[in-house]
């Protein structure tokens, strides 16, 4: 591996480490199979989502607004809870 490749790899690792999670809002667009649209930008299928126990017990409904955490690396999202209007 060249010195330039090592520097690039180290830089990418530093950026990823400085941003371990993101907080996002989403809306349930489908329940079976589960999918969540995030900030009107993209839709996450069930394979990318991790539900907390409280959501798994009660279930989600189409149209529910949810709070998500993007895990480091961006491959998985934890659905924390529903959100409500103030």
N, C-alpha and C. Protein backbone atom coordinates (compact mmCIF):
# COMPACT_ATOMS: atom_id res chain seq x y z
N UNK A 1 0.86 -1.18 0.00
CA UNK A 1 0.00 0.00 0.00
C UNK A 1 0.90 1.24 0.00
N UNK A 2 0.58 2.19 -0.89
CA UNK A 2 1.41 3.39 -1.00
C UNK A 2 1.14 4.33 0.17
N UNK A 3 2.04 5.28 0.36
CA UNK A 3 1.89 6.28 1.43
C UNK A 3 0.60 7.08 1.22
N UNK A 4 0.28 7.43 -0.03
CA UNK A 4 -0.93 8.19 -0.32
C UNK A 4 -2.18 7.39 0.08
N UNK A 5 -2.20 6.12 -0.23
CA UNK A 5 -3.34 5.27 0.15
C UNK A 5 -3.48 5.17 1.66
N UNK A 6 -2.37 5.07 2.37
CA UNK A 6 -2.40 5.03 3.83
C UNK A 6 -2.96 6.32 4.43
N UNK A 7 -2.55 7.45 3.86
CA UNK A 7 -3.05 8.75 4.35
C UNK A 7 -4.54 8.87 4.09
N UNK A 8 -4.99 8.46 2.89
CA UNK A 8 -6.42 8.51 2.58
C UNK A 8 -7.23 7.63 3.53
N UNK A 9 -6.72 6.44 3.79
CA UNK A 9 -7.42 5.51 4.68
C UNK A 9 -7.49 6.07 6.10
N UNK A 10 -6.41 6.65 6.58
CA UNK A 10 -6.38 7.24 7.92
C UNK A 10 -7.35 8.42 8.00
N UNK A 11 -7.39 9.25 6.96
CA UNK A 11 -8.30 10.39 6.93
C UNK A 11 -9.75 9.95 6.95
N UNK A 12 -10.09 8.93 6.16
CA UNK A 12 -11.46 8.42 6.12
C UNK A 12 -11.85 7.85 7.48
N UNK A 13 -10.93 7.17 8.13
CA UNK A 13 -11.21 6.62 9.47
C UNK A 13 -11.44 7.70 10.50
N UNK A 14 -10.69 8.78 10.40
CA UNK A 14 -10.85 9.90 11.34
C UNK A 14 -12.20 10.58 11.16
N UNK A 15 -12.62 10.77 9.92
CA UNK A 15 -13.93 11.39 9.67
C UNK A 15 -15.03 10.51 10.21
N UNK A 16 -14.97 9.22 9.96
CA UNK A 16 -16.00 8.29 10.44
C UNK A 16 -16.04 8.24 11.95
N UNK A 17 -14.88 8.27 12.60
CA UNK A 17 -14.82 8.21 14.06
C UNK A 17 -15.37 9.48 14.70
N UNK A 18 -15.26 10.61 14.00
CA UNK A 18 -15.75 11.86 14.57
C UNK A 18 -17.25 12.01 14.43
N UNK A 19 -17.89 11.14 13.68
CA UNK A 19 -19.32 11.21 13.44
C UNK A 19 -19.94 9.82 13.68
N UNK A 20 -19.94 9.35 14.94
CA UNK A 20 -20.35 7.97 15.19
C UNK A 20 -21.83 7.70 14.96
N UNK A 21 -22.69 8.68 15.21
CA UNK A 21 -24.12 8.48 14.96
C UNK A 21 -24.75 9.78 14.45
N UNK A 22 -25.84 9.65 13.75
CA UNK A 22 -26.66 10.78 13.32
C UNK A 22 -28.07 10.55 13.83
N UNK A 23 -28.76 11.63 14.18
CA UNK A 23 -30.16 11.55 14.57
C UNK A 23 -30.98 12.02 13.39
N UNK A 24 -31.96 11.22 12.99
CA UNK A 24 -32.78 11.51 11.83
C UNK A 24 -34.25 11.31 12.17
N UNK A 25 -35.10 11.95 11.38
CA UNK A 25 -36.54 11.74 11.49
C UNK A 25 -37.00 10.96 10.27
N UNK A 26 -38.00 10.13 10.47
CA UNK A 26 -38.54 9.36 9.36
C UNK A 26 -40.04 9.17 9.50
N UNK A 27 -40.62 8.61 8.45
CA UNK A 27 -42.04 8.30 8.46
C UNK A 27 -42.23 6.89 7.92
N UNK A 28 -43.03 6.10 8.64
CA UNK A 28 -43.31 4.74 8.22
C UNK A 28 -44.17 4.80 6.96
N UNK A 29 -43.67 4.24 5.86
CA UNK A 29 -44.44 4.24 4.61
C UNK A 29 -45.07 2.89 4.33
N UNK A 30 -44.56 1.85 4.99
CA UNK A 30 -45.12 0.52 4.82
C UNK A 30 -44.83 -0.29 6.08
N UNK A 31 -45.81 -1.13 6.46
CA UNK A 31 -45.63 -1.95 7.66
C UNK A 31 -45.21 -3.37 7.30
N UNK A 32 -45.80 -3.94 6.26
CA UNK A 32 -45.48 -5.32 5.84
C UNK A 32 -45.10 -5.31 4.37
N UNK A 33 -43.84 -5.30 4.02
CA UNK A 33 -42.65 -5.24 4.87
C UNK A 33 -42.42 -3.81 5.37
N UNK A 34 -41.75 -3.71 6.50
CA UNK A 34 -41.48 -2.41 7.11
C UNK A 34 -40.53 -1.60 6.24
N UNK A 35 -40.88 -0.33 6.01
CA UNK A 35 -39.97 0.60 5.35
C UNK A 35 -40.24 1.99 5.91
N UNK A 36 -39.17 2.77 6.02
CA UNK A 36 -39.24 4.10 6.61
C UNK A 36 -38.59 5.10 5.65
N UNK A 37 -39.32 6.16 5.30
CA UNK A 37 -38.77 7.24 4.47
C UNK A 37 -38.08 8.23 5.40
N UNK A 38 -36.84 8.56 5.10
CA UNK A 38 -36.03 9.43 5.95
C UNK A 38 -35.92 10.81 5.33
N UNK A 39 -36.42 11.82 6.05
CA UNK A 39 -36.29 13.23 5.64
C UNK A 39 -36.63 13.46 4.17
N UNK A 40 -37.58 12.75 3.62
CA UNK A 40 -38.02 12.92 2.23
C UNK A 40 -36.89 12.67 1.22
N UNK A 41 -35.80 12.01 1.67
CA UNK A 41 -34.64 11.83 0.79
C UNK A 41 -34.50 10.40 0.29
N UNK A 42 -34.69 9.41 1.17
CA UNK A 42 -34.51 8.02 0.80
C UNK A 42 -35.37 7.15 1.69
N UNK A 43 -35.60 5.92 1.25
CA UNK A 43 -36.43 4.98 2.00
C UNK A 43 -35.58 3.80 2.44
N UNK A 44 -35.70 3.45 3.72
CA UNK A 44 -34.96 2.32 4.28
C UNK A 44 -35.85 1.09 4.37
N UNK A 45 -35.43 -0.03 3.78
CA UNK A 45 -36.19 -1.27 3.94
C UNK A 45 -35.89 -1.92 5.29
N UNK A 46 -36.67 -2.92 5.64
CA UNK A 46 -36.58 -3.57 6.95
C UNK A 46 -35.17 -4.06 7.29
N UNK A 47 -34.42 -4.51 6.30
CA UNK A 47 -33.08 -5.04 6.55
C UNK A 47 -32.10 -4.03 7.14
N UNK A 48 -32.40 -2.74 7.01
CA UNK A 48 -31.53 -1.70 7.54
C UNK A 48 -32.00 -1.20 8.91
N UNK A 49 -33.17 -1.68 9.37
CA UNK A 49 -33.79 -1.13 10.57
C UNK A 49 -33.69 -2.07 11.76
N UNK A 50 -33.43 -1.50 12.92
CA UNK A 50 -33.43 -2.23 14.19
C UNK A 50 -34.49 -1.58 15.07
N UNK A 51 -35.46 -2.37 15.53
CA UNK A 51 -36.53 -1.84 16.38
C UNK A 51 -36.21 -2.06 17.85
N UNK A 52 -36.58 -1.10 18.68
CA UNK A 52 -36.47 -1.29 20.12
C UNK A 52 -37.61 -2.20 20.57
N UNK A 53 -37.49 -2.75 21.75
CA UNK A 53 -38.49 -3.71 22.25
C UNK A 53 -39.88 -3.08 22.33
N UNK A 54 -39.97 -1.83 22.79
CA UNK A 54 -41.28 -1.20 22.93
C UNK A 54 -41.98 -1.05 21.57
N UNK A 55 -41.23 -0.75 20.52
CA UNK A 55 -41.83 -0.64 19.19
C UNK A 55 -42.18 -2.01 18.62
N UNK A 56 -41.35 -2.99 18.91
CA UNK A 56 -41.62 -4.34 18.42
C UNK A 56 -42.87 -4.92 19.09
N UNK A 57 -43.10 -4.58 20.36
CA UNK A 57 -44.28 -5.11 21.07
C UNK A 57 -45.56 -4.45 20.58
N UNK A 58 -45.56 -3.12 20.46
CA UNK A 58 -46.77 -2.41 20.04
C UNK A 58 -46.92 -2.37 18.53
N UNK A 59 -45.80 -2.38 17.84
CA UNK A 59 -45.84 -2.32 16.39
C UNK A 59 -45.90 -0.89 15.88
N UNK A 60 -45.63 -0.73 14.62
CA UNK A 60 -45.69 0.57 13.97
C UNK A 60 -46.85 0.57 13.00
N UNK A 61 -47.34 1.76 12.69
CA UNK A 61 -48.42 1.91 11.73
C UNK A 61 -47.97 2.85 10.62
N UNK A 62 -48.53 2.66 9.43
CA UNK A 62 -48.22 3.54 8.32
C UNK A 62 -48.55 4.98 8.73
N UNK A 63 -47.63 5.89 8.44
CA UNK A 63 -47.81 7.29 8.79
C UNK A 63 -47.17 7.70 10.10
N UNK A 64 -46.77 6.73 10.93
CA UNK A 64 -46.08 7.06 12.19
C UNK A 64 -44.80 7.82 11.88
N UNK A 65 -44.56 8.91 12.61
CA UNK A 65 -43.29 9.63 12.54
C UNK A 65 -42.37 9.00 13.58
N UNK A 66 -41.12 8.74 13.21
CA UNK A 66 -40.21 8.05 14.11
C UNK A 66 -38.87 8.79 14.19
N UNK A 67 -38.17 8.54 15.28
CA UNK A 67 -36.83 9.07 15.52
C UNK A 67 -35.84 7.94 15.31
N UNK A 68 -34.84 8.17 14.49
CA UNK A 68 -33.86 7.13 14.16
C UNK A 68 -32.45 7.57 14.53
N UNK A 69 -31.62 6.60 14.85
CA UNK A 69 -30.18 6.82 15.02
C UNK A 69 -29.46 6.05 13.93
N UNK A 70 -28.64 6.76 13.15
CA UNK A 70 -27.82 6.07 12.14
C UNK A 70 -26.56 5.61 12.83
N UNK A 71 -26.33 4.32 12.80
CA UNK A 71 -25.15 3.78 13.46
C UNK A 71 -23.91 4.08 12.62
N UNK A 72 -22.76 4.07 13.26
CA UNK A 72 -21.50 4.36 12.58
C UNK A 72 -21.36 3.46 11.36
N UNK A 73 -20.99 4.03 10.26
CA UNK A 73 -20.88 3.29 9.02
C UNK A 73 -22.11 3.44 8.14
N UNK A 74 -23.25 3.82 8.74
CA UNK A 74 -24.45 4.12 7.98
C UNK A 74 -25.19 2.94 7.41
N UNK A 75 -24.87 1.73 7.84
CA UNK A 75 -25.54 0.57 7.28
C UNK A 75 -26.78 0.14 8.07
N UNK A 76 -26.88 0.54 9.32
CA UNK A 76 -28.03 0.15 10.15
C UNK A 76 -28.57 1.38 10.86
N UNK A 77 -29.88 1.37 11.12
CA UNK A 77 -30.58 2.47 11.76
C UNK A 77 -31.42 1.91 12.89
N UNK A 78 -31.30 2.48 14.08
CA UNK A 78 -32.11 2.08 15.23
C UNK A 78 -33.33 2.99 15.26
N UNK A 79 -34.52 2.38 15.23
CA UNK A 79 -35.76 3.15 15.35
C UNK A 79 -36.04 3.27 16.84
N UNK A 80 -35.80 4.47 17.39
CA UNK A 80 -35.90 4.67 18.85
C UNK A 80 -37.33 4.72 19.35
N UNK A 81 -38.15 5.55 18.71
CA UNK A 81 -39.51 5.74 19.21
C UNK A 81 -40.30 6.55 18.21
N UNK A 82 -41.60 6.62 18.45
CA UNK A 82 -42.47 7.51 17.68
C UNK A 82 -42.25 8.94 18.17
N UNK A 83 -42.54 9.90 17.31
CA UNK A 83 -42.51 11.29 17.72
C UNK A 83 -43.95 11.82 17.74
N UNK A 84 -44.18 12.86 18.52
CA UNK A 84 -45.50 13.49 18.58
C UNK A 84 -45.34 14.98 18.37
N UNK A 85 -46.39 15.61 17.88
CA UNK A 85 -46.37 17.07 17.70
C UNK A 85 -46.56 17.74 19.04
N UNK A 86 -45.87 18.87 19.24
CA UNK A 86 -45.97 19.61 20.51
C UNK A 86 -47.22 20.46 20.51
